[in-house]
C-alpha atoms as a PDB file:
ATOM      1  CA  MET A   1       3.369 -14.636  -3.715  1.00  0.00           C
ATOM      2  CA  LYS A   2       5.429 -11.365  -4.950  1.00  0.00           C
ATOM      3  CA  VAL A   3       4.089  -8.449  -3.391  1.00  0.00           C
ATOM      4  CA  VAL A   4       4.701  -5.404  -5.856  1.00  0.00           C
ATOM      5  CA  LEU A   5       5.020  -2.138  -4.547  1.00  0.00           C
ATOM      6  CA  PHE A   6       4.159   1.386  -5.867  1.00  0.00           C
ATOM      7  CA  CYS A   7       7.238   4.081  -4.631  1.00  0.00           C
ATOM      8  CA  GLY A   8       7.678   6.003  -7.505  1.00  0.00           C
ATOM      9  CA  GLY A   9       5.334   9.284  -6.538  1.00  0.00           C
ATOM     10  CA  MET A  10       6.429  12.699  -6.345  1.00  0.00           C
ATOM     11  CA  GLY A  11       3.955  13.490  -2.863  1.00  0.00           C
ATOM     12  CA  THR A  12       2.782  16.555  -3.972  1.00  0.00           C
ATOM     13  CA  ARG A  13       0.142  17.106  -1.389  1.00  0.00           C
ATOM     14  CA  MET A  14       3.040  16.353   1.513  1.00  0.00           C
ATOM     15  CA  ARG A  15       5.960  19.355   0.750  1.00  0.00           C
ATOM     16  CA  GLU A  16       6.675  19.389   4.467  1.00  0.00           C
ATOM     17  CA  TYR A  17       8.405  15.623   3.662  1.00  0.00           C
ATOM     18  CA  SER A  18       8.732  15.182   0.472  1.00  0.00           C
ATOM     19  CA  GLU A  19      11.076  17.902  -0.757  1.00  0.00           C
ATOM     20  CA  THR A  20      13.468  16.036   1.599  1.00  0.00           C
ATOM     21  CA  ILE A  21      12.578  11.990   1.317  1.00  0.00           C
ATOM     22  CA  PRO A  22      10.098  10.014  -0.494  1.00  0.00           C
ATOM     23  CA  LYS A  23       6.306   9.487   0.644  1.00  0.00           C
ATOM     24  CA  PRO A  24       7.147   5.924   1.786  1.00  0.00           C
ATOM     25  CA  LEU A  25       9.857   6.570   3.688  1.00  0.00           C
ATOM     26  CA  VAL A  26       8.101   9.355   5.769  1.00  0.00           C
ATOM     27  CA  SER A  27       7.511   7.669   8.933  1.00  0.00           C
ATOM     28  CA  VAL A  28       4.830   6.038  11.756  1.00  0.00           C
ATOM     29  CA  GLY A  29       6.652   5.613  14.282  1.00  0.00           C
ATOM     30  CA  HIS A  30      10.097   4.643  14.549  1.00  0.00           C
ATOM     31  CA  ARG A  31      10.029   3.307  11.074  1.00  0.00           C
ATOM     32  CA  PRO A  32       8.779   4.301   7.616  1.00  0.00           C
ATOM     33  CA  ILE A  33       5.568   3.575   6.379  1.00  0.00           C
ATOM     34  CA  ILE A  34       6.330   1.367   3.783  1.00  0.00           C
ATOM     35  CA  TRP A  35       8.010  -0.966   6.773  1.00  0.00           C
ATOM     36  CA  HIS A  36       4.574  -1.267   8.291  1.00  0.00           C
ATOM     37  CA  LEU A  37       2.931  -2.111   5.405  1.00  0.00           C
ATOM     38  CA  MET A  38       5.846  -4.540   4.145  1.00  0.00           C
ATOM     39  CA  ARG A  39       6.028  -5.947   7.439  1.00  0.00           C
ATOM     40  CA  HIS A  40       1.759  -6.742   7.263  1.00  0.00           C
ATOM     41  CA  PHE A  41       2.482  -8.579   3.885  1.00  0.00           C
ATOM     42  CA  ALA A  42       5.551 -10.614   5.144  1.00  0.00           C
ATOM     43  CA  HIS A  43       3.415 -11.280   8.688  1.00  0.00           C
ATOM     44  CA  PHE A  44       1.185 -13.687   6.113  1.00  0.00           C
ATOM     45  CA  GLY A  45       4.067 -14.880   4.643  1.00  0.00           C
ATOM     46  CA  HIS A  46       4.523 -12.982   1.400  1.00  0.00           C
ATOM     47  CA  THR A  47       8.519 -11.449   1.648  1.00  0.00           C
ATOM     48  CA  GLU A  48       9.722 -11.175  -1.678  1.00  0.00           C
ATOM     49  CA  PHE A  49       8.834  -7.630  -2.573  1.00  0.00           C
ATOM     50  CA  ILE A  50       9.590  -5.723  -5.659  1.00  0.00           C
ATOM     51  CA  LEU A  51       9.985  -2.088  -4.864  1.00  0.00           C
ATOM     52  CA  CYS A  52       8.769   0.300  -8.056  1.00  0.00           C
ATOM     53  CA  LEU A  53      11.058   3.432  -7.183  1.00  0.00           C
ATOM     54  CA  GLY A  54      10.942   6.235  -9.222  1.00  0.00           C
ATOM     55  CA  TYR A  55      11.189  10.291  -6.956  1.00  0.00           C
ATOM     56  CA  LYS A  56      14.566   9.733  -4.432  1.00  0.00           C
ATOM     57  CA  GLY A  57      14.455   6.201  -5.016  1.00  0.00           C
ATOM     58  CA  GLU A  58      18.079   5.773  -4.021  1.00  0.00           C
ATOM     59  CA  LEU A  59      17.026   6.953  -0.077  1.00  0.00           C
ATOM     60  CA  ILE A  60      14.099   4.044  -0.141  1.00  0.00           C
ATOM     61  CA  ARG A  61      17.460   1.623  -1.391  1.00  0.00           C
ATOM     62  CA  GLU A  62      19.817   3.602   1.619  1.00  0.00           C
ATOM     63  CA  TYR A  63      17.253   2.611   4.090  1.00  0.00           C
ATOM     64  CA  PHE A  64      16.592  -1.210   3.362  1.00  0.00           C
ATOM     65  CA  LEU A  65      20.630  -1.659   2.103  1.00  0.00           C
ATOM     66  CA  ASN A  66      21.563  -0.522   5.468  1.00  0.00           C
ATOM     67  CA  TYR A  67      18.734  -1.499   7.464  1.00  0.00           C
ATOM     68  CA  ASN A  68      19.038  -1.669  11.513  1.00  0.00           C
ATOM     69  CA  PRO A  69      16.576  -2.751  13.777  1.00  0.00           C
ATOM     70  CA  LEU A  70      18.766  -1.343  16.625  1.00  0.00           C
ATOM     71  CA  MET A  71      17.928   2.268  15.678  1.00  0.00           C
ATOM     72  CA  SER A  72      14.060   1.727  15.916  1.00  0.00           C
ATOM     73  CA  GLU A  73      13.518  -1.246  18.603  1.00  0.00           C
ATOM     74  CA  ASP A  74      14.189  -1.305  22.113  1.00  0.00           C
ATOM     75  CA  SER A  75      17.678  -1.712  22.751  1.00  0.00           C
ATOM     76  CA  SER A  76      20.534  -2.078  25.221  1.00  0.00           C
ATOM     77  CA  LEU A  77      24.425  -1.648  24.904  1.00  0.00           C
ATOM     78  CA  VAL A  78      26.052  -4.053  27.226  1.00  0.00           C
ATOM     79  CA  LYS A  79      29.972  -4.006  27.754  1.00  0.00           C
ATOM     80  CA  GLY A  80      30.006  -2.651  24.254  1.00  0.00           C
ATOM     81  CA  LYS A  81      28.286  -4.740  22.614  1.00  0.00           C
ATOM     82  CA  ALA A  82      24.917  -4.181  21.278  1.00  0.00           C
ATOM     83  CA  SER A  83      21.272  -6.127  21.720  1.00  0.00           C
ATOM     84  CA  LEU A  84      18.186  -6.161  20.934  1.00  0.00           C
ATOM     85  CA  HIS A  85      15.330  -6.314  24.324  1.00  0.00           C
ATOM     86  CA  ALA A  86      12.946  -8.410  21.652  1.00  0.00           C
ATOM     87  CA  SER A  87      13.234  -9.981  18.459  1.00  0.00           C
ATOM     88  CA  GLY A  88      10.337 -10.787  15.657  1.00  0.00           C
ATOM     89  CA  THR A  89      10.279  -7.455  13.874  1.00  0.00           C
ATOM     90  CA  ASP A  90      13.048  -7.746  12.071  1.00  0.00           C
ATOM     91  CA  VAL A  91      13.747  -8.400   8.394  1.00  0.00           C
ATOM     92  CA  PRO A  92      16.099 -11.256   7.836  1.00  0.00           C
ATOM     93  CA  ASP A  93      13.844 -13.501   5.304  1.00  0.00           C
ATOM     94  CA  TRP A  94      12.927 -10.317   3.000  1.00  0.00           C
ATOM     95  CA  THR A  95      13.640 -10.308  -0.259  1.00  0.00           C
ATOM     96  CA  ILE A  96      13.260  -6.839  -1.847  1.00  0.00           C
ATOM     97  CA  HIS A  97      14.255  -6.095  -5.609  1.00  0.00           C
ATOM     98  CA  PHE A  98      14.344  -2.373  -6.192  1.00  0.00           C
ATOM     99  CA  VAL A  99      13.701  -1.680  -9.965  1.00  0.00           C
ATOM    100  CA  ASP A 100      14.115   2.223 -11.111  1.00  0.00           C
ATOM    101  CA  THR A 101      10.660   2.511 -13.059  1.00  0.00           C
ATOM    102  CA  GLY A 102      10.786   6.049 -14.128  1.00  0.00           C
ATOM    103  CA  LEU A 103      10.520   9.433 -12.646  1.00  0.00           C
ATOM    104  CA  ARG A 104       7.091  10.422 -13.701  1.00  0.00           C
ATOM    105  CA  ARG A 105       5.334   7.167 -15.162  1.00  0.00           C
ATOM    106  CA  ASN A 106       1.792   6.167 -13.613  1.00  0.00           C
ATOM    107  CA  ILE A 107       1.182   3.012 -11.860  1.00  0.00           C
ATOM    108  CA  GLY A 108       0.619   1.509 -14.851  1.00  0.00           C
ATOM    109  CA  GLY A 109       3.858   2.624 -16.652  1.00  0.00           C
ATOM    110  CA  ARG A 110       5.517   1.312 -13.470  1.00  0.00           C
ATOM    111  CA  LEU A 111       3.754  -2.339 -13.071  1.00  0.00           C
ATOM    112  CA  LEU A 112       4.738  -2.786 -16.774  1.00  0.00           C
ATOM    113  CA  ALA A 113       8.469  -2.033 -15.756  1.00  0.00           C
ATOM    114  CA  VAL A 114       8.505  -4.422 -13.233  1.00  0.00           C
ATOM    115  CA  LYS A 115       6.824  -7.334 -15.843  1.00  0.00           C
ATOM    116  CA  HIS A 116      10.294  -9.400 -16.305  1.00  0.00           C
ATOM    117  CA  LEU A 117      10.343  -9.847 -12.035  1.00  0.00           C
ATOM    118  CA  LEU A 118       7.080 -11.627 -12.416  1.00  0.00           C
ATOM    119  CA  LYS A 119       7.340 -13.546 -15.919  1.00  0.00           C
ATOM    120  CA  ASP A 120       7.156 -17.228 -13.570  1.00  0.00           C
ATOM    121  CA  ASP A 121       4.125 -16.120 -11.283  1.00  0.00           C
ATOM    122  CA  ASP A 122       0.366 -16.929 -12.401  1.00  0.00           C
ATOM    123  CA  VAL A 123      -0.596 -14.757  -9.358  1.00  0.00           C
ATOM    124  CA  PHE A 124       0.841 -11.936  -7.331  1.00  0.00           C
ATOM    125  CA  LEU A 125       0.505  -8.840  -5.654  1.00  0.00           C
ATOM    126  CA  ALA A 126       0.209  -5.235  -5.352  1.00  0.00           C
ATOM    127  CA  ASN A 127       0.057  -2.289  -3.394  1.00  0.00           C
ATOM    128  CA  TYR A 128       0.513   1.733  -3.355  1.00  0.00           C
ATOM    129  CA  SER A 129       3.066   2.107  -0.225  1.00  0.00           C
ATOM    130  CA  ASP A 130       1.608   5.077   1.764  1.00  0.00           C
ATOM    131  CA  GLN A 131      -1.795   3.168   2.716  1.00  0.00           C
ATOM    132  CA  LEU A 132      -2.315   0.986   6.134  1.00  0.00           C
ATOM    133  CA  CYS A 133      -4.914  -1.839   6.983  1.00  0.00           C
ATOM    134  CA  ASP A 134      -5.736  -4.643   9.564  1.00  0.00           C
ATOM    135  CA  ILE A 135      -7.051  -6.978   6.678  1.00  0.00           C
ATOM    136  CA  ASP A 136      -6.771 -10.428   6.990  1.00  0.00           C
ATOM    137  CA  LEU A 137      -4.697 -10.994   4.099  1.00  0.00           C
ATOM    138  CA  ASN A 138      -4.983 -15.087   3.883  1.00  0.00           C
ATOM    139  CA  GLN A 139      -9.042 -14.647   3.771  1.00  0.00           C
ATOM    140  CA  TYR A 140      -9.147 -11.889   1.497  1.00  0.00           C
ATOM    141  CA  ILE A 141      -6.751 -13.691  -1.104  1.00  0.00           C
ATOM    142  CA  SER A 142      -8.640 -17.100  -0.451  1.00  0.00           C
ATOM    143  CA  GLN A 143     -11.503 -14.842  -1.800  1.00  0.00           C
ATOM    144  CA  ALA A 144      -9.890 -13.256  -4.628  1.00  0.00           C
ATOM    145  CA  ARG A 145      -8.842 -17.398  -5.813  1.00  0.00           C
ATOM    146  CA  GLN A 146     -12.046 -18.249  -5.414  1.00  0.00           C
ATOM    147  CA  ARG A 147     -13.719 -15.503  -7.325  1.00  0.00           C
ATOM    148  CA  ASP A 148     -11.475 -16.069 -10.097  1.00  0.00           C
ATOM    149  CA  LYS A 149     -11.382 -12.933 -11.345  1.00  0.00           C
ATOM    150  CA  ILE A 150      -7.930 -11.809 -13.698  1.00  0.00           C
ATOM    151  CA  ALA A 151      -7.750  -8.424 -11.020  1.00  0.00           C
ATOM    152  CA  SER A 152      -9.082  -8.253  -7.647  1.00  0.00           C
ATOM    153  CA  PHE A 153      -8.704  -4.929  -5.069  1.00  0.00           C
ATOM    154  CA  VAL A 154      -9.786  -3.838  -1.834  1.00  0.00           C
ATOM    155  CA  ALA A 155     -12.597  -1.245  -1.321  1.00  0.00           C
ATOM    156  CA  VAL A 156     -13.616   0.393   1.741  1.00  0.00           C
ATOM    157  CA  ARG A 157     -14.811   3.636   3.086  1.00  0.00           C
ATOM    158  CA  PRO A 158     -12.552   5.887   4.466  1.00  0.00           C
ATOM    159  CA  PRO A 159     -12.393   7.609   7.869  1.00  0.00           C
ATOM    160  CA  GLY A 160     -12.683  11.862   8.151  1.00  0.00           C
ATOM    161  CA  SER A 161     -15.613  13.685   8.682  1.00  0.00           C
ATOM    162  CA  TYR A 162     -16.796  14.657   5.211  1.00  0.00           C
ATOM    163  CA  HIS A 163     -20.727  14.488   4.317  1.00  0.00           C
ATOM    164  CA  SER A 164     -21.467  12.716   1.165  1.00  0.00           C
ATOM    165  CA  ILE A 165     -25.035  13.968  -0.506  1.00  0.00           C
ATOM    166  CA  THR A 166     -27.518  12.806  -3.041  1.00  0.00           C
ATOM    167  CA  SER A 167     -29.082  15.605  -5.232  1.00  0.00           C
ATOM    168  CA  ASP A 168     -31.161  15.851  -8.172  1.00  0.00           C
ATOM    169  CA  ALA A 169     -29.659  17.599 -11.727  1.00  0.00           C
ATOM    170  CA  ASP A 170     -31.374  21.080 -10.586  1.00  0.00           C
ATOM    171  CA  GLY A 171     -29.286  20.764  -7.086  1.00  0.00           C
ATOM    172  CA  THR A 172     -32.558  19.776  -4.724  1.00  0.00           C
ATOM    173  CA  VAL A 173     -31.136  17.991  -2.162  1.00  0.00           C
ATOM    174  CA  SER A 174     -32.602  14.335  -0.837  1.00  0.00           C
ATOM    175  CA  TYR A 175     -29.284  13.319   1.355  1.00  0.00           C
ATOM    176  CA  ILE A 176     -26.954  14.360   3.211  1.00  0.00           C
ATOM    177  CA  GLY A 177     -25.009  12.619   5.715  1.00  0.00           C
ATOM    178  CA  PRO A 178     -21.576  11.589   7.345  1.00  0.00           C
ATOM    179  CA  TRP A 179     -19.650   9.726   4.416  1.00  0.00           C
ATOM    180  CA  ALA A 180     -19.187   6.615   6.524  1.00  0.00           C
ATOM    181  CA  ASP A 181     -22.788   5.903   6.521  1.00  0.00           C
ATOM    182  CA  SER A 182     -23.575   6.218   2.888  1.00  0.00           C
ATOM    183  CA  GLU A 183     -22.802   3.357   0.030  1.00  0.00           C
ATOM    184  CA  LEU A 184     -19.630   5.530  -1.299  1.00  0.00           C
ATOM    185  CA  TRP A 185     -16.695   3.260  -1.455  1.00  0.00           C
ATOM    186  CA  ILE A 186     -12.963   3.719  -2.756  1.00  0.00           C
ATOM    187  CA  ASN A 187     -10.194   1.852  -4.459  1.00  0.00           C
ATOM    188  CA  GLY A 188      -8.181   0.668  -1.416  1.00  0.00           C
ATOM    189  CA  GLY A 189      -5.318  -0.763  -3.181  1.00  0.00           C
ATOM    190  CA  TYR A 190      -4.593  -4.662  -2.028  1.00  0.00           C
ATOM    191  CA  MET A 191      -4.753  -5.890  -5.583  1.00  0.00           C
ATOM    192  CA  VAL A 192      -4.636  -9.520  -6.651  1.00  0.00           C
ATOM    193  CA  LEU A 193      -3.458  -9.787  -9.886  1.00  0.00           C
ATOM    194  CA  LYS A 194      -3.343 -12.607 -12.330  1.00  0.00           C
ATOM    195  CA  LYS A 195      -1.014 -12.515 -14.989  1.00  0.00           C
ATOM    196  CA  GLU A 196      -3.134 -12.114 -17.336  1.00  0.00           C
ATOM    197  CA  VAL A 197      -3.488  -8.619 -16.796  1.00  0.00           C
ATOM    198  CA  PHE A 198      -0.905  -7.359 -18.531  1.00  0.00           C
ATOM    199  CA  ASP A 199      -2.476  -8.852 -22.047  1.00  0.00           C
ATOM    200  CA  HIS A 200      -5.150  -6.417 -21.116  1.00  0.00           C
ATOM    201  CA  MET A 201      -2.535  -3.139 -20.401  1.00  0.00           C
ATOM    202  CA  LYS A 202      -0.900  -0.791 -23.190  1.00  0.00           C
ATOM    203  CA  PRO A 203       1.955   1.115 -22.339  1.00  0.00           C
ATOM    204  CA  GLY A 204       1.397   4.941 -20.974  1.00  0.00           C
ATOM    205  CA  GLU A 205      -2.121   3.910 -19.448  1.00  0.00           C
ATOM    206  CA  GLU A 206      -3.139   4.142 -15.731  1.00  0.00           C
ATOM    207  CA  LEU A 207      -3.880   0.717 -14.124  1.00  0.00           C
ATOM    208  CA  VAL A 208      -7.292   1.900 -13.156  1.00  0.00           C
ATOM    209  CA  GLU A 209      -7.999   4.427 -16.404  1.00  0.00           C
ATOM    210  CA  GLN A 210      -7.708   1.780 -19.341  1.00  0.00           C
ATOM    211  CA  PRO A 211      -7.058  -1.845 -17.868  1.00  0.00           C
ATOM    212  CA  PHE A 212      -9.673  -2.124 -15.523  1.00  0.00           C
ATOM    213  CA  GLN A 213     -12.244  -0.612 -17.773  1.00  0.00           C
ATOM    214  CA  ARG A 214     -11.383  -3.506 -20.031  1.00  0.00           C
ATOM    215  CA  LEU A 215     -11.636  -6.020 -17.334  1.00  0.00           C
ATOM    216  CA  ILE A 216     -15.074  -4.523 -16.272  1.00  0.00           C
ATOM    217  CA  GLU A 217     -16.586  -4.765 -19.558  1.00  0.00           C
ATOM    218  CA  LYS A 218     -15.630  -8.734 -19.508  1.00  0.00           C
ATOM    219  CA  LYS A 219     -16.708  -8.914 -15.890  1.00  0.00           C
ATOM    220  CA  GLN A 220     -12.841  -9.658 -14.670  1.00  0.00           C
ATOM    221  CA  LEU A 221     -12.692  -6.941 -11.743  1.00  0.00           C
ATOM    222  CA  TYR A 222     -13.700  -8.151  -8.604  1.00  0.00           C
ATOM    223  CA  THR A 223     -13.655  -6.049  -5.077  1.00  0.00           C
ATOM    224  CA  HIS A 224     -13.433  -7.166  -1.313  1.00  0.00           C
ATOM    225  CA  ARG A 225     -15.351  -4.810   0.571  1.00  0.00           C
ATOM    226  CA  HIS A 226     -13.189  -4.013   4.000  1.00  0.00           C
ATOM    227  CA  THR A 227     -14.502  -2.459   7.049  1.00  0.00           C
ATOM    228  CA  GLY A 228     -12.243  -2.481   9.337  1.00  0.00           C
ATOM    229  CA  PHE A 229      -9.352   0.108   9.464  1.00  0.00           C
ATOM    230  CA  TRP A 230      -7.727   1.183   6.758  1.00  0.00           C
ATOM    231  CA  LYS A 231      -5.727   4.750   6.403  1.00  0.00           C
ATOM    232  CA  ALA A 232      -3.730   6.638   3.740  1.00  0.00           C
ATOM    233  CA  MET A 233      -1.450   9.035   4.143  1.00  0.00           C
ATOM    234  CA  ASP A 234      -1.784  11.596   2.034  1.00  0.00           C
ATOM    235  CA  THR A 235      -0.947  14.815   3.776  1.00  0.00           C
ATOM    236  CA  TYR A 236       0.259  16.411   6.477  1.00  0.00           C
ATOM    237  CA  LYS A 237      -3.172  16.169   8.485  1.00  0.00           C
ATOM    238  CA  ASP A 238      -2.823  12.544   8.243  1.00  0.00           C
ATOM    239  CA  LYS A 239       0.708  12.189   9.044  1.00  0.00           C
ATOM    240  CA  MET A 240      -0.789  13.515  12.644  1.00  0.00           C
ATOM    241  CA  SER A 241      -3.309  11.171  12.369  1.00  0.00           C
ATOM    242  CA  PHE A 242      -1.405   8.144  11.770  1.00  0.00           C
ATOM    243  CA  ASP A 243       1.442   9.445  14.694  1.00  0.00           C
ATOM    244  CA  ASP A 244      -2.034  10.227  16.958  1.00  0.00           C
ATOM    245  CA  ASP A 245      -2.278   6.622  16.320  1.00  0.00           C
ATOM    246  CA  TYR A 246       0.913   5.226  16.987  1.00  0.00           C
ATOM    247  CA  GLU A 247       1.796   6.972  20.227  1.00  0.00           C
ATOM    248  CA  SER A 248      -1.967   6.119  21.379  1.00  0.00           C
ATOM    249  CA  GLY A 249      -1.003   2.584  21.260  1.00  0.00           C
ATOM    250  CA  ASN A 250      -4.241   2.285  19.033  1.00  0.00           C
ATOM    251  CA  ARG A 251      -2.202  -0.041  16.303  1.00  0.00           C
ATOM    252  CA  PRO A 252      -4.535  -1.727  14.480  1.00  0.00           C
ATOM    253  CA  TRP A 253      -2.551  -1.939  10.857  1.00  0.00           C
ATOM    254  CA  GLU A 254      -0.092  -3.888  13.774  1.00  0.00           C
ATOM    255  CA  VAL A 255      -1.986  -7.613  13.301  1.00  0.00           C
ATOM    256  CA  TRP A 256       1.610  -9.269  13.812  1.00  0.00           C
ATOM    257  CA  ARG A 257       1.682  -8.039  17.366  1.00  0.00           C
END
């Protein structure tokens, strides 16, 4: 299936990087986070990508159009000829469509902007480009197909030191505990969408705020609860956390290893 990736945001909470590069190009180890995400999809056979570009999208184009695995994998220069020490992590079978979807469009607007590339697809995948996960895509997609809803997404309980609370209207607390122990789940992306989703979208609408609400009313929205690894890169602190994971060898998103 084709994979739509939303890459156009300005990453305002990552000023340390976003003034020079778009957030999808912020590195995790030796490669940008979007490469790791695409490698995950490719591992499960989904190798045709539609990148919805916006802020500094030309840099994303440049990265992939000039992609050179020798710059990020172990390699040698022997008698003037470069060679990789290992294979299997390159991208020769990927097809990438680069689409300028505007500087300030929301997710719904970016999806509508690439509708013409999905006209022959009954089902397609979509995701944000700043998160990584260890989900088994084959299993998840199979379950989504069995549910036979117009739209599906992964629900997660993100890591962190926050506490969730339950309180009465007057502020009296009846529960306080770690976020991970609560029943709170958030939208973790990794969407499986039928082409009928476009029938419930209008120009200018945010995908989750209006179209998904219509699907809820029609009981056409399904979520898959994922209890494994999931992490988003929203802030500089998140970037440092990813770097710590990578350097320590704790890389659960690398399902292709």
